[in-house]
Amino acid sequence: MALEFTRELKPDITIFDSMDELSAFRFAPAKLLELEEELFRYADVVFTGGNSLFQAKKHRHHNIHCFPSSIDMEHFAKAKQPCEEPLDQQHIPHPRFGFYGVVDERFDIEL
């Protein structure tokens, strides 16, 4: 959707980070697929998030690469180490659970 207000920009290189099938999201604008096709024509390189998205889109660009999600294992391994309980969480009873990830229409808010 950013194409509608960035067409006047003339970058040396355009990278399309296609990390989700946004057209399948609830309330996706009808124009999204048309704009995505324009971006495929304009982009110098395209990255997809995950193999299934790559398989679905690989025929749409000559320079497209699968770039699945990953993490910095060394950084996140630090969370396994015991640490002091944060002051702002000390009043929350145990057991506790948390959530990390995208909050969109796939997230069951009622749950």
N, C-alpha and C. Protein backbone atom coordinates (compact mmCIF):
# COMPACT_ATOMS: atom_id res chain seq x y z
N MET A 1 0.83 -1.19 0.00
CA MET A 1 0.00 0.00 0.00
C MET A 1 0.87 1.25 0.00
N ALA A 2 2.13 1.13 0.38
CA ALA A 2 3.02 2.29 0.43
C ALA A 2 3.31 2.86 -0.95
N LEU A 3 3.13 2.08 -1.99
CA LEU A 3 3.37 2.58 -3.34
C LEU A 3 2.54 3.82 -3.64
N GLU A 4 1.36 3.89 -3.07
CA GLU A 4 0.48 5.01 -3.36
C GLU A 4 1.05 6.36 -2.91
N PHE A 5 1.99 6.35 -1.98
CA PHE A 5 2.58 7.62 -1.57
C PHE A 5 4.11 7.65 -1.69
N THR A 6 4.68 6.65 -2.37
CA THR A 6 6.14 6.65 -2.54
C THR A 6 6.57 6.55 -4.00
N ARG A 7 5.65 6.58 -4.93
CA ARG A 7 6.00 6.43 -6.34
C ARG A 7 7.00 7.48 -6.82
N GLU A 8 6.98 8.66 -6.25
CA GLU A 8 7.88 9.73 -6.70
C GLU A 8 9.33 9.49 -6.25
N LEU A 9 9.55 8.58 -5.31
CA LEU A 9 10.92 8.26 -4.88
C LEU A 9 11.63 7.47 -5.98
N LYS A 10 12.89 7.73 -6.16
CA LYS A 10 13.68 7.05 -7.19
C LYS A 10 14.91 6.42 -6.54
N PRO A 11 14.72 5.32 -5.81
CA PRO A 11 15.85 4.67 -5.13
C PRO A 11 16.77 3.98 -6.14
N ASP A 12 18.01 3.77 -5.74
CA ASP A 12 18.96 3.03 -6.57
C ASP A 12 18.58 1.56 -6.64
N ILE A 13 18.08 1.04 -5.53
CA ILE A 13 17.70 -0.37 -5.44
C ILE A 13 16.41 -0.46 -4.64
N THR A 14 15.50 -1.32 -5.08
CA THR A 14 14.27 -1.56 -4.34
C THR A 14 14.21 -3.04 -3.95
N ILE A 15 14.04 -3.26 -2.66
CA ILE A 15 13.92 -4.61 -2.11
C ILE A 15 12.49 -4.78 -1.60
N PHE A 16 11.82 -5.79 -2.09
CA PHE A 16 10.46 -6.10 -1.65
C PHE A 16 10.54 -7.22 -0.62
N ASP A 17 10.16 -6.90 0.59
CA ASP A 17 10.16 -7.85 1.70
C ASP A 17 8.75 -8.42 1.82
N SER A 18 8.48 -9.49 1.10
CA SER A 18 7.16 -10.11 1.06
C SER A 18 7.10 -11.19 2.14
N MET A 19 6.76 -10.80 3.36
CA MET A 19 6.87 -11.70 4.49
C MET A 19 5.55 -12.33 4.91
N ASP A 20 4.48 -12.02 4.22
CA ASP A 20 3.19 -12.62 4.54
C ASP A 20 2.27 -12.47 3.35
N GLU A 21 1.23 -13.26 3.30
CA GLU A 21 0.23 -13.14 2.23
C GLU A 21 -0.82 -12.16 2.70
N LEU A 22 -0.49 -10.88 2.61
CA LEU A 22 -1.34 -9.83 3.18
C LEU A 22 -2.72 -9.79 2.54
N SER A 23 -2.83 -10.19 1.29
CA SER A 23 -4.13 -10.16 0.62
C SER A 23 -5.12 -11.13 1.26
N ALA A 24 -4.64 -12.10 2.01
CA ALA A 24 -5.50 -13.07 2.66
C ALA A 24 -5.99 -12.59 4.04
N PHE A 25 -5.47 -11.47 4.51
CA PHE A 25 -5.87 -10.96 5.81
C PHE A 25 -7.27 -10.36 5.73
N ARG A 26 -8.00 -10.45 6.82
CA ARG A 26 -9.31 -9.83 6.90
C ARG A 26 -9.16 -8.32 6.70
N PHE A 27 -10.05 -7.73 5.98
CA PHE A 27 -10.08 -6.29 5.70
C PHE A 27 -8.94 -5.84 4.78
N ALA A 28 -8.29 -6.77 4.09
CA ALA A 28 -7.25 -6.39 3.14
C ALA A 28 -7.90 -5.58 2.02
N PRO A 29 -7.30 -4.45 1.66
CA PRO A 29 -7.88 -3.63 0.59
C PRO A 29 -7.91 -4.41 -0.73
N ALA A 30 -8.96 -4.23 -1.49
CA ALA A 30 -9.10 -4.92 -2.77
C ALA A 30 -7.94 -4.58 -3.72
N LYS A 31 -7.40 -3.39 -3.58
CA LYS A 31 -6.33 -2.92 -4.46
C LYS A 31 -4.96 -3.53 -4.11
N LEU A 32 -4.89 -4.25 -3.02
CA LEU A 32 -3.61 -4.76 -2.54
C LEU A 32 -2.91 -5.65 -3.57
N LEU A 33 -3.62 -6.57 -4.19
CA LEU A 33 -3.00 -7.47 -5.17
C LEU A 33 -2.47 -6.70 -6.38
N GLU A 34 -3.20 -5.71 -6.80
CA GLU A 34 -2.76 -4.87 -7.93
C GLU A 34 -1.47 -4.12 -7.57
N LEU A 35 -1.42 -3.56 -6.38
CA LEU A 35 -0.22 -2.85 -5.94
C LEU A 35 0.95 -3.80 -5.73
N GLU A 36 0.66 -5.00 -5.24
CA GLU A 36 1.72 -5.98 -5.06
C GLU A 36 2.32 -6.36 -6.41
N GLU A 37 1.48 -6.54 -7.41
CA GLU A 37 1.97 -6.87 -8.75
C GLU A 37 2.85 -5.74 -9.29
N GLU A 38 2.46 -4.52 -9.06
CA GLU A 38 3.28 -3.37 -9.47
C GLU A 38 4.63 -3.40 -8.76
N LEU A 39 4.62 -3.72 -7.49
CA LEU A 39 5.87 -3.78 -6.74
C LEU A 39 6.76 -4.91 -7.23
N PHE A 40 6.18 -6.03 -7.59
CA PHE A 40 6.97 -7.12 -8.18
C PHE A 40 7.67 -6.65 -9.46
N ARG A 41 6.98 -5.85 -10.26
CA ARG A 41 7.59 -5.34 -11.51
C ARG A 41 8.70 -4.33 -11.20
N TYR A 42 8.54 -3.56 -10.15
CA TYR A 42 9.45 -2.47 -9.82
C TYR A 42 10.68 -2.92 -9.03
N ALA A 43 10.53 -3.95 -8.21
CA ALA A 43 11.58 -4.38 -7.28
C ALA A 43 12.78 -4.99 -8.02
N ASP A 44 13.96 -4.75 -7.45
CA ASP A 44 15.18 -5.37 -7.96
C ASP A 44 15.37 -6.77 -7.39
N VAL A 45 14.94 -6.94 -6.16
CA VAL A 45 15.06 -8.23 -5.49
C VAL A 45 13.86 -8.40 -4.56
N VAL A 46 13.41 -9.64 -4.40
CA VAL A 46 12.28 -9.95 -3.53
C VAL A 46 12.70 -11.05 -2.56
N PHE A 47 12.36 -10.86 -1.29
CA PHE A 47 12.56 -11.89 -0.28
C PHE A 47 11.19 -12.32 0.23
N THR A 48 11.03 -13.62 0.43
CA THR A 48 9.77 -14.12 0.99
C THR A 48 10.05 -14.74 2.35
N GLY A 49 9.07 -14.65 3.22
CA GLY A 49 9.20 -15.23 4.55
C GLY A 49 8.67 -16.65 4.57
N GLY A 50 9.55 -17.59 4.40
CA GLY A 50 9.15 -18.99 4.47
C GLY A 50 9.00 -19.63 3.10
N ASN A 51 9.13 -20.95 3.10
CA ASN A 51 9.13 -21.69 1.86
C ASN A 51 7.78 -21.70 1.16
N SER A 52 6.69 -21.80 1.91
CA SER A 52 5.37 -21.85 1.24
C SER A 52 5.08 -20.56 0.50
N LEU A 53 5.45 -19.43 1.08
CA LEU A 53 5.26 -18.15 0.40
C LEU A 53 6.17 -18.05 -0.82
N PHE A 54 7.39 -18.55 -0.67
CA PHE A 54 8.32 -18.57 -1.81
C PHE A 54 7.74 -19.41 -2.95
N GLN A 55 7.24 -20.60 -2.62
CA GLN A 55 6.67 -21.47 -3.65
C GLN A 55 5.48 -20.81 -4.35
N ALA A 56 4.69 -20.07 -3.61
CA ALA A 56 3.52 -19.40 -4.18
C ALA A 56 3.88 -18.22 -5.06
N LYS A 57 5.04 -17.60 -4.82
CA LYS A 57 5.37 -16.36 -5.52
C LYS A 57 6.60 -16.45 -6.41
N LYS A 58 7.30 -17.57 -6.42
CA LYS A 58 8.57 -17.66 -7.13
C LYS A 58 8.47 -17.39 -8.62
N HIS A 59 7.32 -17.62 -9.20
CA HIS A 59 7.14 -17.39 -10.64
C HIS A 59 6.88 -15.91 -10.96
N ARG A 60 6.75 -15.08 -9.95
CA ARG A 60 6.37 -13.68 -10.17
C ARG A 60 7.54 -12.72 -10.27
N HIS A 61 8.77 -13.21 -10.01
CA HIS A 61 9.94 -12.32 -10.08
C HIS A 61 11.17 -13.13 -10.45
N HIS A 62 12.08 -12.51 -11.20
CA HIS A 62 13.29 -13.21 -11.65
C HIS A 62 14.37 -13.31 -10.57
N ASN A 63 14.28 -12.48 -9.54
CA ASN A 63 15.32 -12.43 -8.49
C ASN A 63 14.63 -12.53 -7.13
N ILE A 64 14.05 -13.69 -6.85
CA ILE A 64 13.28 -13.88 -5.62
C ILE A 64 13.96 -14.97 -4.78
N HIS A 65 13.99 -14.75 -3.47
CA HIS A 65 14.72 -15.65 -2.58
C HIS A 65 13.91 -15.92 -1.32
N CYS A 66 13.96 -17.16 -0.87
CA CYS A 66 13.30 -17.55 0.37
C CYS A 66 14.17 -17.08 1.54
N PHE A 67 13.58 -16.35 2.46
CA PHE A 67 14.30 -15.83 3.63
C PHE A 67 13.43 -16.08 4.86
N PRO A 68 13.41 -17.32 5.34
CA PRO A 68 12.51 -17.66 6.45
C PRO A 68 12.88 -16.95 7.75
N SER A 69 11.92 -16.87 8.62
CA SER A 69 12.13 -16.24 9.92
C SER A 69 13.22 -16.99 10.70
N SER A 70 13.95 -16.24 11.48
CA SER A 70 14.99 -16.84 12.30
C SER A 70 15.21 -15.97 13.53
N ILE A 71 16.04 -16.44 14.42
CA ILE A 71 16.31 -15.69 15.64
C ILE A 71 17.82 -15.67 15.91
N ASP A 72 18.22 -14.79 16.79
CA ASP A 72 19.59 -14.73 17.29
C ASP A 72 19.64 -15.63 18.52
N MET A 73 20.04 -16.89 18.31
CA MET A 73 19.99 -17.88 19.40
C MET A 73 20.83 -17.46 20.60
N GLU A 74 21.99 -16.90 20.36
CA GLU A 74 22.86 -16.50 21.48
C GLU A 74 22.16 -15.45 22.34
N HIS A 75 21.52 -14.49 21.68
CA HIS A 75 20.82 -13.44 22.41
C HIS A 75 19.66 -14.00 23.24
N PHE A 76 18.79 -14.82 22.61
CA PHE A 76 17.61 -15.31 23.30
C PHE A 76 17.93 -16.41 24.30
N ALA A 77 19.07 -17.05 24.18
CA ALA A 77 19.47 -18.05 25.17
C ALA A 77 19.69 -17.42 26.54
N LYS A 78 19.97 -16.13 26.56
CA LYS A 78 20.16 -15.42 27.83
C LYS A 78 18.90 -15.49 28.70
N ALA A 79 17.74 -15.64 28.08
CA ALA A 79 16.48 -15.67 28.83
C ALA A 79 16.36 -16.94 29.66
N LYS A 80 17.15 -17.95 29.37
CA LYS A 80 17.11 -19.19 30.14
C LYS A 80 17.86 -19.05 31.47
N GLN A 81 18.63 -18.00 31.61
CA GLN A 81 19.40 -17.78 32.83
C GLN A 81 18.49 -17.17 33.90
N PRO A 82 18.63 -17.61 35.14
CA PRO A 82 17.83 -17.01 36.22
C PRO A 82 18.12 -15.51 36.31
N CYS A 83 17.07 -14.75 36.58
CA CYS A 83 17.24 -13.31 36.74
C CYS A 83 16.25 -12.82 37.80
N GLU A 84 16.48 -11.59 38.24
CA GLU A 84 15.58 -11.01 39.23
C GLU A 84 14.23 -10.74 38.60
N GLU A 85 13.20 -10.94 39.38
CA GLU A 85 11.86 -10.66 38.91
C GLU A 85 11.69 -9.14 38.75
N PRO A 86 11.19 -8.69 37.62
CA PRO A 86 11.00 -7.24 37.43
C PRO A 86 10.04 -6.67 38.47
N LEU A 87 10.33 -5.50 38.97
CA LEU A 87 9.50 -4.87 40.01
C LEU A 87 8.05 -4.73 39.59
N ASP A 88 7.83 -4.38 38.33
CA ASP A 88 6.46 -4.15 37.88
C ASP A 88 5.66 -5.44 37.68
N GLN A 89 6.30 -6.60 37.89
CA GLN A 89 5.59 -7.87 37.74
C GLN A 89 5.49 -8.65 39.05
N GLN A 90 6.10 -8.14 40.09
CA GLN A 90 6.14 -8.88 41.36
C GLN A 90 4.75 -9.11 41.95
N HIS A 91 3.81 -8.24 41.66
CA HIS A 91 2.46 -8.39 42.23
C HIS A 91 1.59 -9.38 41.46
N ILE A 92 2.03 -9.85 40.32
CA ILE A 92 1.25 -10.78 39.50
C ILE A 92 1.43 -12.19 40.06
N PRO A 93 0.31 -12.87 40.41
CA PRO A 93 0.43 -14.21 41.00
C PRO A 93 0.97 -15.24 40.00
N HIS A 94 1.46 -16.33 40.54
CA HIS A 94 1.97 -17.44 39.73
C HIS A 94 0.89 -18.51 39.61
N PRO A 95 0.88 -19.34 38.63
CA PRO A 95 1.79 -19.33 37.49
C PRO A 95 1.43 -18.21 36.51
N ARG A 96 2.37 -17.84 35.68
CA ARG A 96 2.18 -16.80 34.68
C ARG A 96 2.47 -17.36 33.30
N PHE A 97 1.91 -16.76 32.31
CA PHE A 97 2.30 -17.09 30.94
C PHE A 97 2.29 -15.80 30.14
N GLY A 98 3.01 -15.81 29.07
CA GLY A 98 3.11 -14.62 28.24
C GLY A 98 2.86 -14.94 26.78
N PHE A 99 2.77 -13.94 25.99
CA PHE A 99 2.57 -14.08 24.55
C PHE A 99 3.54 -13.17 23.83
N TYR A 100 4.12 -13.69 22.77
CA TYR A 100 4.87 -12.84 21.86
C TYR A 100 4.49 -13.25 20.46
N GLY A 101 4.39 -12.29 19.60
CA GLY A 101 4.00 -12.57 18.23
C GLY A 101 3.10 -11.48 17.69
N VAL A 102 2.59 -11.73 16.52
CA VAL A 102 1.75 -10.76 15.84
C VAL A 102 0.34 -10.79 16.42
N VAL A 103 -0.22 -9.63 16.65
CA VAL A 103 -1.61 -9.54 17.07
C VAL A 103 -2.39 -8.99 15.88
N ASP A 104 -3.12 -9.87 15.21
CA ASP A 104 -3.96 -9.48 14.08
C ASP A 104 -5.21 -10.34 14.12
N GLU A 105 -5.93 -10.44 13.02
CA GLU A 105 -7.20 -11.17 13.07
C GLU A 105 -7.03 -12.65 13.34
N ARG A 106 -5.82 -13.18 13.22
CA ARG A 106 -5.59 -14.59 13.52
C ARG A 106 -5.48 -14.83 15.03
N PHE A 107 -5.30 -13.79 15.79
CA PHE A 107 -5.15 -13.87 17.24
C PHE A 107 -6.54 -13.97 17.88
N ASP A 108 -6.76 -15.00 18.67
CA ASP A 108 -8.04 -15.22 19.32
C ASP A 108 -8.09 -14.40 20.60
N ILE A 109 -8.59 -13.18 20.49
CA ILE A 109 -8.63 -12.26 21.64
C ILE A 109 -9.54 -12.79 22.74
N GLU A 110 -10.64 -13.45 22.37
CA GLU A 110 -11.56 -13.99 23.36
C GLU A 110 -10.89 -15.07 24.20
N LEU A 111 -10.03 -15.87 23.59
CA LEU A 111 -9.32 -16.91 24.32
C LEU A 111 -8.48 -16.29 25.41
